[in-house]
């Protein structure tokens, strides 16, 4: 696993944990840390979305290697 893949995976996991907290406890950790009115949560959410798309590409490449 490359460094980029590890970084993308870590960011995606952090995003998943945040969504789990929102779903289970109605608590948004990102907004609690950075504030709801800040631009930073939008940046964090955008990074999570981008890394998720990168992870989809990594998954598809890995599936192609095994065929």
PDB file of N, CA and C in Angstrom:
ATOM      1  N   UNK A   1       0.846  -1.170   0.000  1.00  0.00           N
ATOM      2  CA  UNK A   1       0.000   0.000   0.000  1.00  0.00           C
ATOM      3  C   UNK A   1       0.894   1.237   0.000  1.00  0.00           C
ATOM      4  N   UNK A   2       0.612   2.158  -0.906  1.00  0.00           N
ATOM      5  CA  UNK A   2       1.433   3.364  -1.008  1.00  0.00           C
ATOM      6  C   UNK A   2       1.031   4.368   0.068  1.00  0.00           C
ATOM      7  N   UNK A   3       1.866   5.387   0.219  1.00  0.00           N
ATOM      8  CA  UNK A   3       1.594   6.433   1.200  1.00  0.00           C
ATOM      9  C   UNK A   3       0.290   7.154   0.870  1.00  0.00           C
ATOM     10  N   UNK A   4       0.058   7.464  -0.410  1.00  0.00           N
ATOM     11  CA  UNK A   4      -1.184   8.128  -0.819  1.00  0.00           C
ATOM     12  C   UNK A   4      -2.390   7.272  -0.450  1.00  0.00           C
ATOM     13  N   UNK A   5      -2.308   5.983  -0.686  1.00  0.00           N
ATOM     14  CA  UNK A   5      -3.409   5.088  -0.351  1.00  0.00           C
ATOM     15  C   UNK A   5      -3.676   5.072   1.152  1.00  0.00           C
ATOM     16  N   UNK A   6      -2.625   5.068   1.953  1.00  0.00           N
ATOM     17  CA  UNK A   6      -2.787   5.068   3.404  1.00  0.00           C
ATOM     18  C   UNK A   6      -3.418   6.370   3.885  1.00  0.00           C
ATOM     19  N   UNK A   7      -2.991   7.494   3.313  1.00  0.00           N
ATOM     20  CA  UNK A   7      -3.561   8.790   3.686  1.00  0.00           C
ATOM     21  C   UNK A   7      -5.039   8.839   3.314  1.00  0.00           C
ATOM     22  N   UNK A   8      -5.364   8.415   2.094  1.00  0.00           N
ATOM     23  CA  UNK A   8      -6.759   8.410   1.650  1.00  0.00           C
ATOM     24  C   UNK A   8      -7.614   7.511   2.525  1.00  0.00           C
ATOM     25  N   UNK A   9      -7.092   6.359   2.864  1.00  0.00           N
ATOM     26  CA  UNK A   9      -7.830   5.433   3.714  1.00  0.00           C
ATOM     27  C   UNK A   9      -8.069   6.038   5.101  1.00  0.00           C
ATOM     28  N   UNK A  10      -7.051   6.669   5.670  1.00  0.00           N
ATOM     29  CA  UNK A  10      -7.188   7.282   7.002  1.00  0.00           C
ATOM     30  C   UNK A  10      -8.231   8.395   6.991  1.00  0.00           C
ATOM     31  N   UNK A  11      -8.201   9.257   5.975  1.00  0.00           N
ATOM     32  CA  UNK A  11      -9.179  10.348   5.892  1.00  0.00           C
ATOM     33  C   UNK A  11     -10.577   9.790   5.713  1.00  0.00           C
ATOM     34  N   UNK A  12     -10.729   8.766   4.895  1.00  0.00           N
ATOM     35  CA  UNK A  12     -12.039   8.160   4.689  1.00  0.00           C
ATOM     36  C   UNK A  12     -12.555   7.514   5.972  1.00  0.00           C
ATOM     37  N   UNK A  13     -11.692   6.885   6.728  1.00  0.00           N
ATOM     38  CA  UNK A  13     -12.091   6.283   8.004  1.00  0.00           C
ATOM     39  C   UNK A  13     -12.536   7.367   8.978  1.00  0.00           C
ATOM     40  N   UNK A  14     -11.803   8.467   9.051  1.00  0.00           N
ATOM     41  CA  UNK A  14     -12.185   9.578   9.923  1.00  0.00           C
ATOM     42  C   UNK A  14     -13.569  10.103   9.525  1.00  0.00           C
ATOM     43  N   UNK A  15     -13.805  10.237   8.216  1.00  0.00           N
ATOM     44  CA  UNK A  15     -15.112  10.673   7.741  1.00  0.00           C
ATOM     45  C   UNK A  15     -16.206   9.688   8.113  1.00  0.00           C
ATOM     46  N   UNK A  16     -15.907   8.409   8.000  1.00  0.00           N
ATOM     47  CA  UNK A  16     -16.886   7.385   8.378  1.00  0.00           C
ATOM     48  C   UNK A  16     -17.212   7.417   9.861  1.00  0.00           C
ATOM     49  N   UNK A  17     -16.202   7.636  10.679  1.00  0.00           N
ATOM     50  CA  UNK A  17     -16.434   7.748  12.127  1.00  0.00           C
ATOM     51  C   UNK A  17     -17.314   8.958  12.423  1.00  0.00           C
ATOM     52  N   UNK A  18     -17.043  10.075  11.741  1.00  0.00           N
ATOM     53  CA  UNK A  18     -17.858  11.274  11.949  1.00  0.00           C
ATOM     54  C   UNK A  18     -19.314  11.002  11.560  1.00  0.00           C
ATOM     55  N   UNK A  19     -19.537  10.328  10.418  1.00  0.00           N
ATOM     56  CA  UNK A  19     -20.902  10.016  10.005  1.00  0.00           C
ATOM     57  C   UNK A  19     -21.562   9.050  10.984  1.00  0.00           C
ATOM     58  N   UNK A  20     -20.799   8.132  11.535  1.00  0.00           N
ATOM     59  CA  UNK A  20     -21.334   7.235  12.555  1.00  0.00           C
ATOM     60  C   UNK A  20     -21.781   7.998  13.797  1.00  0.00           C
ATOM     61  N   UNK A  21     -20.980   8.973  14.208  1.00  0.00           N
ATOM     62  CA  UNK A  21     -21.355   9.798  15.359  1.00  0.00           C
ATOM     63  C   UNK A  21     -22.611  10.610  15.069  1.00  0.00           C
ATOM     64  N   UNK A  22     -22.715  11.125  13.839  1.00  0.00           N
ATOM     65  CA  UNK A  22     -23.906  11.889  13.460  1.00  0.00           C
ATOM     66  C   UNK A  22     -25.134  10.985  13.491  1.00  0.00           C
ATOM     67  N   UNK A  23     -25.012   9.796  12.928  1.00  0.00           N
ATOM     68  CA  UNK A  23     -26.150   8.885  12.864  1.00  0.00           C
ATOM     69  C   UNK A  23     -26.565   8.332  14.213  1.00  0.00           C
ATOM     70  N   UNK A  24     -25.598   7.993  15.049  1.00  0.00           N
ATOM     71  CA  UNK A  24     -25.916   7.363  16.329  1.00  0.00           C
ATOM     72  C   UNK A  24     -26.216   8.351  17.447  1.00  0.00           C
ATOM     73  N   UNK A  25     -25.444   9.440  17.487  1.00  0.00           N
ATOM     74  CA  UNK A  25     -25.535  10.354  18.625  1.00  0.00           C
ATOM     75  C   UNK A  25     -25.976  11.764  18.248  1.00  0.00           C
ATOM     76  N   UNK A  26     -26.217  12.002  16.948  1.00  0.00           N
ATOM     77  CA  UNK A  26     -26.544  13.340  16.463  1.00  0.00           C
ATOM     78  C   UNK A  26     -25.470  14.340  16.896  1.00  0.00           C
ATOM     79  N   UNK A  27     -24.200  13.916  16.785  1.00  0.00           N
ATOM     80  CA  UNK A  27     -23.057  14.744  17.175  1.00  0.00           C
ATOM     81  C   UNK A  27     -22.093  14.828  16.004  1.00  0.00           C
ATOM     82  N   UNK A  28     -21.850  16.040  15.510  1.00  0.00           N
ATOM     83  CA  UNK A  28     -20.928  16.260  14.400  1.00  0.00           C
ATOM     84  C   UNK A  28     -19.587  16.703  14.968  1.00  0.00           C
ATOM     85  N   UNK A  29     -18.631  15.789  14.979  1.00  0.00           N
ATOM     86  CA  UNK A  29     -17.317  16.058  15.559  1.00  0.00           C
ATOM     87  C   UNK A  29     -16.572  17.154  14.804  1.00  0.00           C
ATOM     88  N   UNK A  30     -16.674  17.167  13.482  1.00  0.00           N
ATOM     89  CA  UNK A  30     -15.966  18.170  12.682  1.00  0.00           C
ATOM     90  C   UNK A  30     -16.456  19.575  13.030  1.00  0.00           C
ATOM     91  N   UNK A  31     -17.770  19.744  13.088  1.00  0.00           N
ATOM     92  CA  UNK A  31     -18.316  21.054  13.435  1.00  0.00           C
ATOM     93  C   UNK A  31     -18.051  21.402  14.891  1.00  0.00           C
ATOM     94  N   UNK A  32     -17.984  20.416  15.762  1.00  0.00           N
ATOM     95  CA  UNK A  32     -17.675  20.675  17.165  1.00  0.00           C
ATOM     96  C   UNK A  32     -16.245  21.180  17.314  1.00  0.00           C
ATOM     97  N   UNK A  33     -15.336  20.657  16.495  1.00  0.00           N
ATOM     98  CA  UNK A  33     -13.935  21.067  16.581  1.00  0.00           C
ATOM     99  C   UNK A  33     -13.710  22.418  15.907  1.00  0.00           C
ATOM    100  N   UNK A  34     -14.257  22.590  14.696  1.00  0.00           N
ATOM    101  CA  UNK A  34     -13.936  23.768  13.896  1.00  0.00           C
ATOM    102  C   UNK A  34     -15.024  24.835  13.883  1.00  0.00           C
ATOM    103  N   UNK A  35     -16.201  24.539  14.393  1.00  0.00           N
ATOM    104  CA  UNK A  35     -17.302  25.492  14.380  1.00  0.00           C
ATOM    105  C   UNK A  35     -18.154  25.318  13.138  1.00  0.00           C
ATOM    106  N   UNK A  36     -19.454  25.463  13.307  1.00  0.00           N
ATOM    107  CA  UNK A  36     -20.385  25.224  12.203  1.00  0.00           C
ATOM    108  C   UNK A  36     -20.316  26.314  11.143  1.00  0.00           C
ATOM    109  N   UNK A  37     -19.957  27.520  11.520  1.00  0.00           N
ATOM    110  CA  UNK A  37     -19.954  28.651  10.590  1.00  0.00           C
ATOM    111  C   UNK A  37     -18.610  28.830   9.886  1.00  0.00           C
ATOM    112  N   UNK A  38     -17.643  27.998  10.190  1.00  0.00           N
ATOM    113  CA  UNK A  38     -16.305  28.097   9.596  1.00  0.00           C
ATOM    114  C   UNK A  38     -16.276  27.438   8.224  1.00  0.00           C
ATOM    115  N   UNK A  39     -15.315  27.829   7.402  1.00  0.00           N
ATOM    116  CA  UNK A  39     -15.111  27.213   6.083  1.00  0.00           C
ATOM    117  C   UNK A  39     -14.391  25.865   6.225  1.00  0.00           C
ATOM    118  N   UNK A  40     -13.744  25.648   7.335  1.00  0.00           N
ATOM    119  CA  UNK A  40     -12.932  24.439   7.526  1.00  0.00           C
ATOM    120  C   UNK A  40     -13.760  23.155   7.444  1.00  0.00           C
ATOM    121  N   UNK A  41     -14.957  23.078   8.049  1.00  0.00           N
ATOM    122  CA  UNK A  41     -15.739  21.841   7.872  1.00  0.00           C
ATOM    123  C   UNK A  41     -16.038  21.533   6.403  1.00  0.00           C
ATOM    124  N   UNK A  42     -16.306  22.536   5.597  1.00  0.00           N
ATOM    125  CA  UNK A  42     -16.545  22.294   4.164  1.00  0.00           C
ATOM    126  C   UNK A  42     -15.303  21.731   3.502  1.00  0.00           C
ATOM    127  N   UNK A  43     -14.136  22.216   3.902  1.00  0.00           N
ATOM    128  CA  UNK A  43     -12.878  21.699   3.355  1.00  0.00           C
ATOM    129  C   UNK A  43     -12.693  20.250   3.780  1.00  0.00           C
ATOM    130  N   UNK A  44     -12.952  19.967   5.051  1.00  0.00           N
ATOM    131  CA  UNK A  44     -12.812  18.595   5.566  1.00  0.00           C
ATOM    132  C   UNK A  44     -13.759  17.661   4.829  1.00  0.00           C
ATOM    133  N   UNK A  45     -15.031  18.068   4.655  1.00  0.00           N
ATOM    134  CA  UNK A  45     -15.996  17.230   3.959  1.00  0.00           C
ATOM    135  C   UNK A  45     -15.589  17.020   2.506  1.00  0.00           C
ATOM    136  N   UNK A  46     -15.048  18.053   1.874  1.00  0.00           N
ATOM    137  CA  UNK A  46     -14.586  17.924   0.488  1.00  0.00           C
ATOM    138  C   UNK A  46     -13.421  16.952   0.389  1.00  0.00           C
ATOM    139  N   UNK A  47     -12.492  17.008   1.348  1.00  0.00           N
ATOM    140  CA  UNK A  47     -11.362  16.071   1.365  1.00  0.00           C
ATOM    141  C   UNK A  47     -11.837  14.638   1.556  1.00  0.00           C
ATOM    142  N   UNK A  48     -12.811  14.447   2.434  1.00  0.00           N
ATOM    143  CA  UNK A  48     -13.348  13.097   2.656  1.00  0.00           C
ATOM    144  C   UNK A  48     -13.989  12.571   1.375  1.00  0.00           C
ATOM    145  N   UNK A  49     -14.758  13.418   0.703  1.00  0.00           N
ATOM    146  CA  UNK A  49     -15.374  13.008  -0.562  1.00  0.00           C
ATOM    147  C   UNK A  49     -14.346  12.685  -1.626  1.00  0.00           C
ATOM    148  N   UNK A  50     -13.330  13.524  -1.748  1.00  0.00           N
ATOM    149  CA  UNK A  50     -12.266  13.299  -2.733  1.00  0.00           C
ATOM    150  C   UNK A  50     -11.518  12.007  -2.446  1.00  0.00           C
ATOM    151  N   UNK A  51     -11.152  11.801  -1.185  1.00  0.00           N
ATOM    152  CA  UNK A  51     -10.415  10.581  -0.854  1.00  0.00           C
ATOM    153  C   UNK A  51     -11.281   9.337  -1.024  1.00  0.00           C
ATOM    154  N   UNK A  52     -12.578   9.471  -0.832  1.00  0.00           N
ATOM    155  CA  UNK A  52     -13.472   8.334  -1.079  1.00  0.00           C
ATOM    156  C   UNK A  52     -13.458   7.943  -2.546  1.00  0.00           C
ATOM    157  N   UNK A  53     -13.458   8.953  -3.424  1.00  0.00           N
ATOM    158  CA  UNK A  53     -13.391   8.660  -4.859  1.00  0.00           C
ATOM    159  C   UNK A  53     -12.049   8.030  -5.232  1.00  0.00           C
ATOM    160  N   UNK A  54     -10.976   8.499  -4.622  1.00  0.00           N
ATOM    161  CA  UNK A  54      -9.661   7.898  -4.860  1.00  0.00           C
ATOM    162  C   UNK A  54      -9.668   6.445  -4.396  1.00  0.00           C
ATOM    163  N   UNK A  55     -10.295   6.192  -3.234  1.00  0.00           N
ATOM    164  CA  UNK A  55     -10.372   4.822  -2.722  1.00  0.00           C
ATOM    165  C   UNK A  55     -11.176   3.914  -3.646  1.00  0.00           C
ATOM    166  N   UNK A  56     -12.212   4.455  -4.287  1.00  0.00           N
ATOM    167  CA  UNK A  56     -12.965   3.655  -5.267  1.00  0.00           C
ATOM    168  C   UNK A  56     -12.041   3.255  -6.418  1.00  0.00           C
ATOM    169  N   UNK A  57     -11.243   4.208  -6.894  1.00  0.00           N
ATOM    170  CA  UNK A  57     -10.284   3.909  -7.961  1.00  0.00           C
ATOM    171  C   UNK A  57      -9.270   2.867  -7.539  1.00  0.00           C
ATOM    172  N   UNK A  58      -8.777   2.971  -6.313  1.00  0.00           N
ATOM    173  CA  UNK A  58      -7.819   1.987  -5.797  1.00  0.00           C
ATOM    174  C   UNK A  58      -8.467   0.612  -5.730  1.00  0.00           C
ATOM    175  N   UNK A  59      -9.711   0.552  -5.266  1.00  0.00           N
ATOM    176  CA  UNK A  59     -10.431  -0.720  -5.183  1.00  0.00           C
ATOM    177  C   UNK A  59     -10.604  -1.344  -6.565  1.00  0.00           C
ATOM    178  N   UNK A  60     -11.009  -0.540  -7.534  1.00  0.00           N
ATOM    179  CA  UNK A  60     -11.208  -1.068  -8.880  1.00  0.00           C
ATOM    180  C   UNK A  60      -9.897  -1.535  -9.503  1.00  0.00           C
ATOM    181  N   UNK A  61      -8.809  -0.806  -9.268  1.00  0.00           N
ATOM    182  CA  UNK A  61      -7.503  -1.241  -9.789  1.00  0.00           C
ATOM    183  C   UNK A  61      -7.097  -2.565  -9.149  1.00  0.00           C
ATOM    184  N   UNK A  62      -7.351  -2.696  -7.849  1.00  0.00           N
ATOM    185  CA  UNK A  62      -7.005  -3.928  -7.147  1.00  0.00           C
ATOM    186  C   UNK A  62      -7.835  -5.090  -7.666  1.00  0.00           C
ATOM    187  N   UNK A  63      -9.105  -4.854  -7.945  1.00  0.00           N
ATOM    188  CA  UNK A  63      -9.952  -5.921  -8.502  1.00  0.00           C
ATOM    189  C   UNK A  63      -9.474  -6.354  -9.882  1.00  0.00           C
ATOM    190  N   UNK A  64      -9.035  -5.370 -10.702  1.00  0.00           N
ATOM    191  CA  UNK A  64      -8.522  -5.695 -12.026  1.00  0.00           C
ATOM    192  C   UNK A  64      -7.257  -6.531 -11.964  1.00  0.00           C
ATOM    193  N   UNK A  65      -6.415  -6.305 -10.944  1.00  0.00           N
ATOM    194  CA  UNK A  65      -5.163  -7.048 -10.807  1.00  0.00           C
ATOM    195  C   UNK A  65      -5.421  -8.516 -10.465  1.00  0.00           C
ATOM    196  N   UNK A  66      -6.547  -8.797  -9.794  1.00  0.00           N
ATOM    197  CA  UNK A  66      -6.837 -10.149  -9.356  1.00  0.00           C
ATOM    198  C   UNK A  66      -7.577 -10.979 -10.404  1.00  0.00           C
ATOM    199  N   UNK A  67      -8.016 -10.348 -11.484  1.00  0.00           N
ATOM    200  CA  UNK A  67      -8.734 -11.089 -12.528  1.00  0.00           C
ATOM    201  C   UNK A  67      -7.794 -11.796 -13.463  1.00  0.00           C
TER     202      UNK A  67
END
